[in-house]
C-alpha atoms as a PDB file:
ATOM      1  CA  PRO A   1      66.444 110.324 103.603  1.00  0.00           C
ATOM      2  CA  PRO A   2      68.933 108.250 101.498  1.00  0.00           C
ATOM      3  CA  TYR A   3      70.883 111.938 100.908  1.00  0.00           C
ATOM      4  CA  ALA A   4      71.106 111.986 104.492  1.00  0.00           C
ATOM      5  CA  LEU A   5      74.576 113.136 105.419  1.00  0.00           C
ATOM      6  CA  GLU A   6      76.997 111.088 108.000  1.00  0.00           C
ATOM      7  CA  PRO A   7      77.384 112.972 111.205  1.00  0.00           C
ATOM      8  CA  LYS A   8      80.432 115.000 111.389  1.00  0.00           C
ATOM      9  CA  PRO A   9      83.097 112.738 113.628  1.00  0.00           C
ATOM     10  CA  LYS A  10      84.086 115.031 116.780  1.00  0.00           C
ATOM     11  CA  GLY A  11      87.636 115.242 117.542  1.00  0.00           C
ATOM     12  CA  PRO A  12      90.697 114.579 115.546  1.00  0.00           C
ATOM     13  CA  MET A  13      90.499 112.050 112.456  1.00  0.00           C
ATOM     14  CA  VAL A  14      93.051 108.982 113.948  1.00  0.00           C
ATOM     15  CA  THR A  15      95.006 107.546 111.303  1.00  0.00           C
ATOM     16  CA  ARG A  16      97.643 104.845 110.949  1.00  0.00           C
ATOM     17  CA  HIS A  17     100.463 108.297 111.272  1.00  0.00           C
ATOM     18  CA  THR A  18      98.944 110.022 114.364  1.00  0.00           C
ATOM     19  CA  LEU A  19      99.104 105.999 116.217  1.00  0.00           C
ATOM     20  CA  THR A  20     102.839 105.939 115.402  1.00  0.00           C
ATOM     21  CA  GLU A  21     103.256 109.187 116.520  1.00  0.00           C
ATOM     22  CA  ASP A  22     101.437 108.727 119.392  1.00  0.00           C
ATOM     23  CA  LYS A  23     103.379 105.853 120.376  1.00  0.00           C
ATOM     24  CA  LYS A  24     106.899 107.289 119.743  1.00  0.00           C
ATOM     25  CA  ARG A  25     105.571 109.658 122.093  1.00  0.00           C
ATOM     26  CA  LYS A  26     104.786 107.339 124.476  1.00  0.00           C
ATOM     27  CA  THR A  27     107.750 105.377 123.886  1.00  0.00           C
ATOM     28  CA  ARG A  28     110.320 106.365 127.460  1.00  0.00           C
ATOM     29  CA  ILE A  29     114.058 106.016 126.535  1.00  0.00           C
ATOM     30  CA  LEU A  30     116.848 106.462 129.057  1.00  0.00           C
ATOM     31  CA  ILE A  31     120.066 107.861 127.346  1.00  0.00           C
ATOM     32  CA  VAL A  32     123.040 107.193 129.904  1.00  0.00           C
ATOM     33  CA  GLU A  33     125.998 108.941 128.599  1.00  0.00           C
ATOM     34  CA  ASP A  34     128.724 110.930 130.411  1.00  0.00           C
ATOM     35  CA  ASN A  35     129.668 112.730 127.097  1.00  0.00           C
ATOM     36  CA  VAL A  36     127.717 115.964 126.918  1.00  0.00           C
ATOM     37  CA  VAL A  37     128.225 116.277 123.065  1.00  0.00           C
ATOM     38  CA  ASN A  38     127.247 112.848 123.152  1.00  0.00           C
ATOM     39  CA  GLN A  39     124.091 113.027 124.900  1.00  0.00           C
ATOM     40  CA  LYS A  40     122.901 116.154 122.728  1.00  0.00           C
ATOM     41  CA  VAL A  41     123.143 114.349 119.598  1.00  0.00           C
ATOM     42  CA  VAL A  42     121.614 111.041 120.403  1.00  0.00           C
ATOM     43  CA  GLN A  43     118.814 113.317 122.010  1.00  0.00           C
ATOM     44  CA  ARG A  44     118.301 115.551 118.712  1.00  0.00           C
ATOM     45  CA  ILE A  45     118.176 112.498 116.516  1.00  0.00           C
ATOM     46  CA  LEU A  46     115.524 110.905 118.869  1.00  0.00           C
ATOM     47  CA  GLU A  47     113.560 114.352 118.932  1.00  0.00           C
ATOM     48  CA  LYS A  48     113.939 114.879 115.303  1.00  0.00           C
ATOM     49  CA  HIS A  49     112.443 111.153 114.828  1.00  0.00           C
ATOM     50  CA  GLY A  50     109.552 111.821 117.244  1.00  0.00           C
ATOM     51  CA  TYR A  51     110.862 110.254 120.444  1.00  0.00           C
ATOM     52  CA  ARG A  52     111.524 111.867 123.345  1.00  0.00           C
ATOM     53  CA  ALA A  53     114.224 110.837 125.856  1.00  0.00           C
ATOM     54  CA  ASP A  54     115.623 111.215 129.415  1.00  0.00           C
ATOM     55  CA  ILE A  55     119.449 111.577 130.068  1.00  0.00           C
ATOM     56  CA  ALA A  56     121.769 109.942 132.855  1.00  0.00           C
ATOM     57  CA  SER A  57     125.378 111.288 133.141  1.00  0.00           C
ATOM     58  CA  ASN A  58     126.496 107.597 134.433  1.00  0.00           C
ATOM     59  CA  GLY A  59     125.142 104.403 135.579  1.00  0.00           C
ATOM     60  CA  LYS A  60     124.659 105.063 138.817  1.00  0.00           C
ATOM     61  CA  GLU A  61     121.799 107.976 137.844  1.00  0.00           C
ATOM     62  CA  ALA A  62     120.490 105.401 135.536  1.00  0.00           C
ATOM     63  CA  VAL A  63     119.702 102.964 137.994  1.00  0.00           C
ATOM     64  CA  GLU A  64     118.201 105.734 140.207  1.00  0.00           C
ATOM     65  CA  LEU A  65     116.154 107.002 137.222  1.00  0.00           C
ATOM     66  CA  LEU A  66     114.804 103.269 136.824  1.00  0.00           C
ATOM     67  CA  ASN A  67     114.085 102.757 139.952  1.00  0.00           C
ATOM     68  CA  HIS A  68     111.115 105.611 139.618  1.00  0.00           C
ATOM     69  CA  LEU A  69     110.345 105.317 135.848  1.00  0.00           C
ATOM     70  CA  PRO A  70     109.170 102.222 133.986  1.00  0.00           C
ATOM     71  CA  TYR A  71     111.279 103.057 130.568  1.00  0.00           C
ATOM     72  CA  ASP A  72     110.764 100.746 127.602  1.00  0.00           C
ATOM     73  CA  ILE A  73     114.328 101.022 126.443  1.00  0.00           C
ATOM     74  CA  VAL A  74     117.522 101.924 127.540  1.00  0.00           C
ATOM     75  CA  PHE A  75     120.818 103.286 125.718  1.00  0.00           C
ATOM     76  CA  MET A  76     123.874 102.297 127.828  1.00  0.00           C
ATOM     77  CA  ASP A  77     126.958 103.869 127.354  1.00  0.00           C
ATOM     78  CA  VAL A  78     129.812 101.158 128.290  1.00  0.00           C
ATOM     79  CA  GLN A  79     132.561 103.618 129.967  1.00  0.00           C
ATOM     80  CA  MET A  80     131.695 106.077 132.130  1.00  0.00           C
ATOM     81  CA  PRO A  81     132.774 107.266 135.911  1.00  0.00           C
ATOM     82  CA  GLU A  82     131.154 106.500 138.963  1.00  0.00           C
ATOM     83  CA  MET A  83     129.140 103.684 137.627  1.00  0.00           C
ATOM     84  CA  ASP A  84     129.943 102.118 133.852  1.00  0.00           C
ATOM     85  CA  GLY A  85     127.656 100.356 132.036  1.00  0.00           C
ATOM     86  CA  PHE A  86     128.685  96.814 132.716  1.00  0.00           C
ATOM     87  CA  GLU A  87     128.108  97.531 136.586  1.00  0.00           C
ATOM     88  CA  ALA A  88     125.156  99.164 135.989  1.00  0.00           C
ATOM     89  CA  THR A  89     123.443  96.748 133.823  1.00  0.00           C
ATOM     90  CA  LYS A  90     124.529  93.842 136.397  1.00  0.00           C
ATOM     91  CA  SER A  91     122.807  96.148 138.653  1.00  0.00           C
ATOM     92  CA  ILE A  92     119.254  96.138 136.711  1.00  0.00           C
ATOM     93  CA  ARG A  93     119.588  92.716 135.965  1.00  0.00           C
ATOM     94  CA  SER A  94     119.979  91.806 139.758  1.00  0.00           C
ATOM     95  CA  LEU A  95     117.340  89.801 141.037  1.00  0.00           C
ATOM     96  CA  SER A  96     117.630  91.578 144.198  1.00  0.00           C
ATOM     97  CA  SER A  97     117.208  95.007 142.281  1.00  0.00           C
ATOM     98  CA  ASN A  98     113.559  96.545 143.215  1.00  0.00           C
ATOM     99  CA  LEU A  99     113.638  98.300 140.026  1.00  0.00           C
ATOM    100  CA  LEU A 100     110.263  98.696 138.225  1.00  0.00           C
ATOM    101  CA  ASN A 101     111.108  96.897 134.530  1.00  0.00           C
ATOM    102  CA  ARG A 102     114.354  94.558 135.381  1.00  0.00           C
ATOM    103  CA  ASP A 103     113.786  93.122 131.998  1.00  0.00           C
ATOM    104  CA  VAL A 104     114.353  96.657 130.180  1.00  0.00           C
ATOM    105  CA  PRO A 105     116.063  96.300 126.931  1.00  0.00           C
ATOM    106  CA  ILE A 106     119.407  97.733 127.503  1.00  0.00           C
ATOM    107  CA  ILE A 107     121.272  98.771 124.379  1.00  0.00           C
ATOM    108  CA  ALA A 108     125.002  99.314 124.577  1.00  0.00           C
ATOM    109  CA  MET A 109     126.512 102.043 122.861  1.00  0.00           C
ATOM    110  CA  THR A 110     130.209 101.880 122.422  1.00  0.00           C
ATOM    111  CA  ALA A 111     133.070 102.923 120.167  1.00  0.00           C
ATOM    112  CA  HIS A 112     134.565  99.636 120.432  1.00  0.00           C
ATOM    113  CA  ALA A 113     133.077  97.954 117.591  1.00  0.00           C
ATOM    114  CA  PHE A 114     134.708  94.503 117.840  1.00  0.00           C
ATOM    115  CA  LYS A 115     133.203  91.467 118.245  1.00  0.00           C
ATOM    116  CA  GLU A 116     134.931  90.295 121.308  1.00  0.00           C
ATOM    117  CA  ASP A 117     133.778  93.764 122.456  1.00  0.00           C
ATOM    118  CA  ARG A 118     129.766  93.174 121.288  1.00  0.00           C
ATOM    119  CA  ASP A 119     129.871  89.675 123.015  1.00  0.00           C
ATOM    120  CA  GLN A 120     131.398  91.280 126.166  1.00  0.00           C
ATOM    121  CA  CYS A 121     128.235  93.700 126.237  1.00  0.00           C
ATOM    122  CA  LEU A 122     125.628  90.944 125.696  1.00  0.00           C
ATOM    123  CA  ASN A 123     127.346  88.608 128.025  1.00  0.00           C
ATOM    124  CA  ALA A 124     127.044  91.857 130.922  1.00  0.00           C
ATOM    125  CA  GLY A 125     122.918  91.704 130.245  1.00  0.00           C
ATOM    126  CA  MET A 126     122.652  93.809 127.799  1.00  0.00           C
ATOM    127  CA  ASN A 127     120.334  93.197 124.820  1.00  0.00           C
ATOM    128  CA  ASP A 128     121.819  94.872 121.993  1.00  0.00           C
ATOM    129  CA  TYR A 129     124.567  96.841 120.378  1.00  0.00           C
ATOM    130  CA  ILE A 130     125.156 100.092 118.718  1.00  0.00           C
ATOM    131  CA  ALA A 131     128.362 101.695 117.485  1.00  0.00           C
ATOM    132  CA  LYS A 132     129.416 105.284 118.274  1.00  0.00           C
ATOM    133  CA  PRO A 133     129.446 107.433 116.190  1.00  0.00           C
ATOM    134  CA  ILE A 134     125.566 106.686 116.140  1.00  0.00           C
ATOM    135  CA  ASN A 135     124.118 106.731 112.867  1.00  0.00           C
ATOM    136  CA  PRO A 136     120.583 108.087 112.999  1.00  0.00           C
ATOM    137  CA  LYS A 137     119.156 104.847 110.963  1.00  0.00           C
ATOM    138  CA  SER A 138     120.257 102.164 113.238  1.00  0.00           C
ATOM    139  CA  LEU A 139     119.194 104.416 116.328  1.00  0.00           C
ATOM    140  CA  THR A 140     115.761 104.441 115.056  1.00  0.00           C
ATOM    141  CA  ALA A 141     116.031 100.944 113.624  1.00  0.00           C
ATOM    142  CA  MET A 142     116.991  99.696 117.032  1.00  0.00           C
ATOM    143  CA  ILE A 143     114.275 101.619 118.908  1.00  0.00           C
ATOM    144  CA  SER A 144     111.557 100.039 116.237  1.00  0.00           C
ATOM    145  CA  LYS A 145     113.337  96.608 117.065  1.00  0.00           C
ATOM    146  CA  TRP A 146     112.913  96.766 120.731  1.00  0.00           C
ATOM    147  CA  SER A 147     109.520  98.609 121.079  1.00  0.00           C
ATOM    148  CA  GLU A 148     108.023  95.839 119.039  1.00  0.00           C
ATOM    149  CA  ALA A 149     109.506  93.413 121.143  1.00  0.00           C
ATOM    150  CA  ALA A 150     108.141  94.944 124.210  1.00  0.00           C
ATOM    151  CA  ASP A 151     104.923  95.081 122.604  1.00  0.00           C
ATOM    152  CA  GLY A 152     105.193  91.447 121.759  1.00  0.00           C
ATOM    153  CA  ARG A 153     105.581  90.514 125.850  1.00  0.00           C
ATOM    154  CA  ASN A 154     103.049  92.947 127.158  1.00  0.00           C
ATOM    155  CA  ALA A 155     100.615  91.234 124.631  1.00  0.00           C
ATOM    156  CA  GLU A 156     101.691  87.828 125.857  1.00  0.00           C
ATOM    157  CA  THR A 157     100.879  89.032 129.660  1.00  0.00           C
ATOM    158  CA  ARG A 158      97.435  90.166 128.817  1.00  0.00           C
END
């Protein structure tokens, strides 16, 4: 009859919001930072906005993690013991590296906010730059910018 009800959909209703939240949960973020307070601040900002992140305390740990997991974005402190951000980036970008994703977007995190510092980060193979102390809006904008860029690259290779 014309008055028949539509069958109820099975499972949760999918909306643009649930798709966005799902994408956030699936975005693999690596924070490379030696300062424990800074690690926690960045991690809390990300969690508050629906993201999850792993932590590496220096560049050597970051390279090791990148050997095993395909991260979508890396936030890389510049000055760290054992292996600094510049050395780690050079290692990640090296053609001889056997990382899962040598082209992973690397965002420099540094308190040095001069143009020369930014240029040094970009010349080292980093993709972008965010100044410390970290501003939550800048951090989430950076994730949106680089995860959209990654989505575009992935669509081209399909």
